[in-house]
Amino acid sequence: MMEQTILVKIQHMKTAIPKEIVQRRKFSKDIMRVNSRGLLHCHTTVLLQEFERYGALIESIHDSLELLDKAVRGVQLMSTDLDDMCKALSMNVVPEMWANFAYPSLKPLSAWVVDL
């Protein structure tokens, strides 16, 4: 029964969390404009850094959800990281492997996912 609940949560998160975000090359030309010294605006630099961090977070979430899905179904071996993630999902807590890539938050997992 617990496995079925986790599988439902995994499927929900897979559909609720975007798989990818806008590719860097698709940014507006205005945002990517360089000044006379050949440098990007400081806000653009911060935007690009956050873009990269967010992309790493999304990739980490989807990769780990896929691995956990396989482990719960018995197709793959359950590692300690995946077991910890499974426990976190069942307690509605952000898994530590995601928190390492994410912004600090005290929200429960269900509210945290909505903010992504």
N, C-alpha and C. Protein backbone atom coordinates (compact mmCIF):
# COMPACT_ATOMS: atom_id res chain seq x y z
N MET A 1 0.83 -1.20 0.00
CA MET A 1 0.00 0.00 0.00
C MET A 1 0.87 1.26 0.00
N MET A 2 1.93 1.26 0.81
CA MET A 2 2.84 2.40 0.88
C MET A 2 3.49 2.64 -0.47
N GLU A 3 3.85 1.56 -1.15
CA GLU A 3 4.49 1.68 -2.46
C GLU A 3 3.56 2.37 -3.45
N GLN A 4 2.28 2.00 -3.41
CA GLN A 4 1.31 2.60 -4.33
C GLN A 4 1.17 4.09 -4.08
N THR A 5 1.16 4.51 -2.82
CA THR A 5 1.07 5.93 -2.47
C THR A 5 2.29 6.69 -2.99
N ILE A 6 3.47 6.11 -2.84
CA ILE A 6 4.70 6.74 -3.32
C ILE A 6 4.68 6.84 -4.84
N LEU A 7 4.23 5.79 -5.51
CA LEU A 7 4.16 5.82 -6.98
C LEU A 7 3.20 6.90 -7.48
N VAL A 8 2.10 7.09 -6.78
CA VAL A 8 1.15 8.14 -7.14
C VAL A 8 1.79 9.51 -6.97
N LYS A 9 2.51 9.71 -5.86
CA LYS A 9 3.20 10.98 -5.62
C LYS A 9 4.26 11.23 -6.69
N ILE A 10 4.99 10.19 -7.05
CA ILE A 10 6.03 10.32 -8.08
C ILE A 10 5.39 10.77 -9.40
N GLN A 11 4.32 10.11 -9.80
CA GLN A 11 3.67 10.46 -11.06
C GLN A 11 3.12 11.88 -11.03
N HIS A 12 2.55 12.26 -9.90
CA HIS A 12 2.03 13.63 -9.76
C HIS A 12 3.15 14.66 -9.92
N MET A 13 4.27 14.41 -9.25
CA MET A 13 5.38 15.37 -9.32
C MET A 13 6.00 15.41 -10.72
N LYS A 14 6.07 14.26 -11.37
CA LYS A 14 6.62 14.23 -12.73
C LYS A 14 5.81 15.12 -13.67
N THR A 15 4.50 15.15 -13.48
CA THR A 15 3.66 15.98 -14.35
C THR A 15 3.59 17.42 -13.86
N ALA A 16 3.70 17.65 -12.56
CA ALA A 16 3.57 19.00 -12.00
C ALA A 16 4.83 19.84 -12.18
N ILE A 17 5.97 19.19 -12.20
CA ILE A 17 7.24 19.91 -12.29
C ILE A 17 7.67 19.94 -13.75
N PRO A 18 7.97 21.13 -14.28
CA PRO A 18 8.38 21.20 -15.69
C PRO A 18 9.64 20.39 -15.94
N LYS A 19 9.72 19.79 -17.10
CA LYS A 19 10.89 18.97 -17.44
C LYS A 19 12.08 19.82 -17.84
N GLU A 20 11.82 20.91 -18.48
CA GLU A 20 12.91 21.79 -18.88
C GLU A 20 12.40 23.22 -18.88
N ILE A 21 13.33 24.13 -18.84
CA ILE A 21 12.97 25.53 -18.92
C ILE A 21 13.50 26.10 -20.22
N VAL A 22 13.22 27.33 -20.47
CA VAL A 22 13.64 27.97 -21.71
C VAL A 22 15.14 27.78 -21.91
N GLN A 23 15.52 27.44 -23.11
CA GLN A 23 16.93 27.28 -23.40
C GLN A 23 17.61 28.64 -23.44
N ARG A 24 18.84 28.68 -23.03
CA ARG A 24 19.58 29.93 -22.93
C ARG A 24 19.61 30.69 -24.25
N ARG A 25 19.71 29.98 -25.34
CA ARG A 25 19.80 30.65 -26.64
C ARG A 25 18.48 31.29 -27.05
N LYS A 26 17.41 30.98 -26.34
CA LYS A 26 16.11 31.56 -26.66
C LYS A 26 15.79 32.81 -25.84
N PHE A 27 16.75 33.27 -25.03
CA PHE A 27 16.54 34.51 -24.30
C PHE A 27 16.41 35.67 -25.28
N SER A 28 15.70 36.68 -24.87
CA SER A 28 15.54 37.87 -25.68
C SER A 28 16.90 38.50 -25.98
N LYS A 29 17.03 39.04 -27.18
CA LYS A 29 18.29 39.70 -27.55
C LYS A 29 18.55 40.91 -26.68
N ASP A 30 17.49 41.55 -26.18
CA ASP A 30 17.67 42.70 -25.29
C ASP A 30 18.35 42.28 -23.98
N ILE A 31 17.98 41.13 -23.48
CA ILE A 31 18.57 40.65 -22.23
C ILE A 31 20.04 40.31 -22.43
N MET A 32 20.37 39.75 -23.57
CA MET A 32 21.73 39.28 -23.83
C MET A 32 22.63 40.36 -24.45
N ARG A 33 22.17 41.59 -24.50
CA ARG A 33 22.96 42.68 -25.09
C ARG A 33 24.17 42.99 -24.20
N VAL A 34 25.30 43.16 -24.83
CA VAL A 34 26.52 43.52 -24.10
C VAL A 34 26.76 45.02 -24.19
N ASN A 35 27.46 45.55 -23.18
CA ASN A 35 27.75 46.99 -23.19
C ASN A 35 28.99 47.28 -24.03
N SER A 36 29.45 48.51 -24.00
CA SER A 36 30.58 48.93 -24.84
C SER A 36 31.88 48.21 -24.48
N ARG A 37 31.94 47.68 -23.24
CA ARG A 37 33.14 46.94 -22.82
C ARG A 37 33.02 45.44 -23.07
N GLY A 38 31.91 45.05 -23.70
CA GLY A 38 31.73 43.63 -24.02
C GLY A 38 31.18 42.81 -22.86
N LEU A 39 30.60 43.47 -21.86
CA LEU A 39 30.08 42.77 -20.69
C LEU A 39 28.56 42.78 -20.67
N LEU A 40 28.00 41.72 -20.10
CA LEU A 40 26.56 41.68 -19.90
C LEU A 40 26.18 42.56 -18.72
N HIS A 41 24.95 43.02 -18.70
CA HIS A 41 24.46 43.79 -17.56
C HIS A 41 24.50 42.89 -16.33
N CYS A 42 24.71 43.48 -15.16
CA CYS A 42 24.84 42.68 -13.93
C CYS A 42 23.57 41.87 -13.63
N HIS A 43 22.40 42.42 -13.95
CA HIS A 43 21.17 41.66 -13.74
C HIS A 43 21.09 40.44 -14.65
N THR A 44 21.61 40.58 -15.84
CA THR A 44 21.63 39.45 -16.76
C THR A 44 22.54 38.35 -16.23
N THR A 45 23.67 38.74 -15.66
CA THR A 45 24.59 37.77 -15.09
C THR A 45 23.91 36.97 -13.98
N VAL A 46 23.21 37.67 -13.10
CA VAL A 46 22.49 37.01 -12.01
C VAL A 46 21.38 36.11 -12.57
N LEU A 47 20.66 36.60 -13.56
CA LEU A 47 19.61 35.81 -14.19
C LEU A 47 20.16 34.51 -14.76
N LEU A 48 21.28 34.60 -15.45
CA LEU A 48 21.88 33.40 -16.05
C LEU A 48 22.35 32.41 -14.98
N GLN A 49 22.90 32.94 -13.88
CA GLN A 49 23.33 32.05 -12.78
C GLN A 49 22.13 31.34 -12.17
N GLU A 50 21.06 32.06 -11.94
CA GLU A 50 19.86 31.45 -11.37
C GLU A 50 19.23 30.46 -12.36
N PHE A 51 19.29 30.78 -13.62
CA PHE A 51 18.80 29.90 -14.67
C PHE A 51 19.54 28.56 -14.62
N GLU A 52 20.86 28.62 -14.47
CA GLU A 52 21.67 27.40 -14.40
C GLU A 52 21.34 26.60 -13.13
N ARG A 53 21.20 27.29 -12.01
CA ARG A 53 20.87 26.59 -10.75
C ARG A 53 19.51 25.92 -10.84
N TYR A 54 18.54 26.64 -11.37
CA TYR A 54 17.19 26.09 -11.50
C TYR A 54 17.19 24.88 -12.43
N GLY A 55 17.93 24.98 -13.52
CA GLY A 55 18.04 23.85 -14.44
C GLY A 55 18.64 22.62 -13.78
N ALA A 56 19.66 22.83 -12.94
CA ALA A 56 20.28 21.71 -12.22
C ALA A 56 19.30 21.10 -11.23
N LEU A 57 18.51 21.94 -10.57
CA LEU A 57 17.50 21.45 -9.63
C LEU A 57 16.45 20.61 -10.35
N ILE A 58 15.92 21.12 -11.45
CA ILE A 58 14.89 20.40 -12.20
C ILE A 58 15.43 19.07 -12.73
N GLU A 59 16.65 19.10 -13.23
CA GLU A 59 17.26 17.86 -13.73
C GLU A 59 17.44 16.85 -12.59
N SER A 60 17.90 17.31 -11.44
CA SER A 60 18.09 16.44 -10.29
C SER A 60 16.76 15.83 -9.84
N ILE A 61 15.72 16.64 -9.81
CA ILE A 61 14.40 16.15 -9.39
C ILE A 61 13.90 15.07 -10.35
N HIS A 62 13.93 15.34 -11.63
CA HIS A 62 13.40 14.37 -12.59
C HIS A 62 14.24 13.09 -12.64
N ASP A 63 15.55 13.23 -12.57
CA ASP A 63 16.40 12.03 -12.57
C ASP A 63 16.14 11.16 -11.34
N SER A 64 16.06 11.80 -10.18
CA SER A 64 15.85 11.02 -8.95
C SER A 64 14.44 10.44 -8.88
N LEU A 65 13.44 11.16 -9.41
CA LEU A 65 12.08 10.60 -9.45
C LEU A 65 12.03 9.37 -10.34
N GLU A 66 12.73 9.42 -11.45
CA GLU A 66 12.77 8.27 -12.36
C GLU A 66 13.44 7.07 -11.68
N LEU A 67 14.55 7.32 -11.00
CA LEU A 67 15.25 6.23 -10.29
C LEU A 67 14.39 5.66 -9.17
N LEU A 68 13.72 6.54 -8.41
CA LEU A 68 12.87 6.06 -7.32
C LEU A 68 11.69 5.27 -7.86
N ASP A 69 11.12 5.71 -8.95
CA ASP A 69 10.02 4.99 -9.58
C ASP A 69 10.45 3.56 -9.91
N LYS A 70 11.61 3.43 -10.52
CA LYS A 70 12.13 2.09 -10.86
C LYS A 70 12.42 1.27 -9.62
N ALA A 71 12.96 1.90 -8.59
CA ALA A 71 13.30 1.18 -7.35
C ALA A 71 12.05 0.70 -6.63
N VAL A 72 11.03 1.53 -6.56
CA VAL A 72 9.79 1.13 -5.89
C VAL A 72 9.10 0.00 -6.65
N ARG A 73 9.20 0.03 -7.96
CA ARG A 73 8.60 -1.03 -8.79
C ARG A 73 9.43 -2.33 -8.77
N GLY A 74 10.66 -2.26 -8.23
CA GLY A 74 11.49 -3.44 -8.14
C GLY A 74 12.37 -3.69 -9.35
N VAL A 75 12.43 -2.72 -10.24
CA VAL A 75 13.24 -2.86 -11.46
C VAL A 75 14.70 -2.55 -11.17
N GLN A 76 14.93 -1.73 -10.18
CA GLN A 76 16.28 -1.28 -9.83
C GLN A 76 16.47 -1.42 -8.32
N LEU A 77 17.72 -1.54 -7.91
CA LEU A 77 18.03 -1.65 -6.50
C LEU A 77 17.78 -0.32 -5.78
N MET A 78 17.24 -0.37 -4.57
CA MET A 78 16.96 0.83 -3.78
C MET A 78 18.22 1.19 -3.00
N SER A 79 18.82 2.33 -3.35
CA SER A 79 20.01 2.81 -2.63
C SER A 79 19.57 3.52 -1.35
N THR A 80 20.53 3.84 -0.50
CA THR A 80 20.19 4.57 0.73
C THR A 80 19.66 5.96 0.41
N ASP A 81 20.21 6.61 -0.62
CA ASP A 81 19.71 7.92 -1.02
C ASP A 81 18.25 7.84 -1.48
N LEU A 82 17.95 6.82 -2.27
CA LEU A 82 16.58 6.66 -2.74
C LEU A 82 15.65 6.29 -1.59
N ASP A 83 16.14 5.51 -0.65
CA ASP A 83 15.34 5.16 0.52
C ASP A 83 15.04 6.40 1.36
N ASP A 84 16.04 7.25 1.54
CA ASP A 84 15.84 8.51 2.26
C ASP A 84 14.84 9.40 1.52
N MET A 85 14.93 9.41 0.20
CA MET A 85 14.01 10.19 -0.60
C MET A 85 12.58 9.65 -0.47
N CYS A 86 12.45 8.35 -0.47
CA CYS A 86 11.14 7.72 -0.32
C CYS A 86 10.52 8.08 1.03
N LYS A 87 11.31 8.05 2.08
CA LYS A 87 10.83 8.43 3.41
C LYS A 87 10.42 9.90 3.43
N ALA A 88 11.21 10.75 2.80
CA ALA A 88 10.89 12.19 2.76
C ALA A 88 9.57 12.43 2.03
N LEU A 89 9.38 11.75 0.89
CA LEU A 89 8.13 11.90 0.15
C LEU A 89 6.94 11.45 0.98
N SER A 90 7.10 10.37 1.70
CA SER A 90 5.99 9.87 2.52
C SER A 90 5.67 10.79 3.69
N MET A 91 6.65 11.57 4.14
CA MET A 91 6.43 12.52 5.24
C MET A 91 6.16 13.94 4.74
N ASN A 92 6.04 14.13 3.40
CA ASN A 92 5.78 15.43 2.79
C ASN A 92 6.88 16.45 3.11
N VAL A 93 8.12 15.97 3.04
CA VAL A 93 9.30 16.80 3.31
C VAL A 93 10.14 16.83 2.03
N VAL A 94 10.78 17.96 1.76
CA VAL A 94 11.66 18.07 0.60
C VAL A 94 12.86 17.14 0.82
N PRO A 95 13.10 16.20 -0.09
CA PRO A 95 14.25 15.30 0.06
C PRO A 95 15.57 16.08 0.10
N GLU A 96 16.49 15.60 0.90
CA GLU A 96 17.77 16.29 1.06
C GLU A 96 18.53 16.40 -0.26
N MET A 97 18.42 15.38 -1.11
CA MET A 97 19.14 15.43 -2.38
C MET A 97 18.62 16.57 -3.26
N TRP A 98 17.36 16.99 -3.08
CA TRP A 98 16.83 18.14 -3.81
C TRP A 98 17.17 19.43 -3.10
N ALA A 99 17.14 19.40 -1.78
CA ALA A 99 17.42 20.60 -0.99
C ALA A 99 18.84 21.11 -1.24
N ASN A 100 19.73 20.20 -1.57
CA ASN A 100 21.12 20.60 -1.87
C ASN A 100 21.20 21.51 -3.09
N PHE A 101 20.25 21.39 -4.02
CA PHE A 101 20.24 22.20 -5.24
C PHE A 101 19.27 23.38 -5.14
N ALA A 102 18.42 23.38 -4.13
CA ALA A 102 17.30 24.31 -4.08
C ALA A 102 17.55 25.52 -3.18
N TYR A 103 16.63 26.45 -3.29
CA TYR A 103 16.62 27.60 -2.40
C TYR A 103 16.17 27.13 -1.00
N PRO A 104 16.62 27.79 0.06
CA PRO A 104 16.19 27.39 1.41
C PRO A 104 14.68 27.63 1.58
N SER A 105 14.01 26.66 2.16
CA SER A 105 12.58 26.79 2.37
C SER A 105 12.14 25.91 3.54
N LEU A 106 11.18 26.40 4.28
CA LEU A 106 10.59 25.62 5.37
C LEU A 106 9.24 25.02 4.98
N LYS A 107 8.85 25.20 3.73
CA LYS A 107 7.56 24.70 3.27
C LYS A 107 7.56 23.18 3.19
N PRO A 108 6.37 22.59 3.38
CA PRO A 108 6.26 21.14 3.13
C PRO A 108 6.41 20.87 1.65
N LEU A 109 6.69 19.64 1.31
CA LEU A 109 6.96 19.26 -0.08
C LEU A 109 5.85 19.67 -1.02
N SER A 110 4.60 19.46 -0.63
CA SER A 110 3.48 19.77 -1.52
C SER A 110 3.44 21.25 -1.89
N ALA A 111 3.70 22.14 -0.97
CA ALA A 111 3.72 23.58 -1.25
C ALA A 111 5.01 23.96 -1.98
N TRP A 112 6.11 23.30 -1.66
CA TRP A 112 7.39 23.57 -2.28
C TRP A 112 7.35 23.29 -3.78
N VAL A 113 6.71 22.17 -4.16
CA VAL A 113 6.61 21.78 -5.56
C VAL A 113 5.80 22.81 -6.34
N VAL A 114 4.76 23.36 -5.74
CA VAL A 114 3.94 24.36 -6.41
C VAL A 114 4.77 25.60 -6.73
N ASP A 115 5.71 25.96 -5.86
CA ASP A 115 6.56 27.13 -6.06
C ASP A 115 7.61 26.96 -7.15
N LEU A 116 7.85 25.73 -7.57
CA LEU A 116 8.86 25.53 -8.61
C LEU A 116 8.36 26.11 -9.90
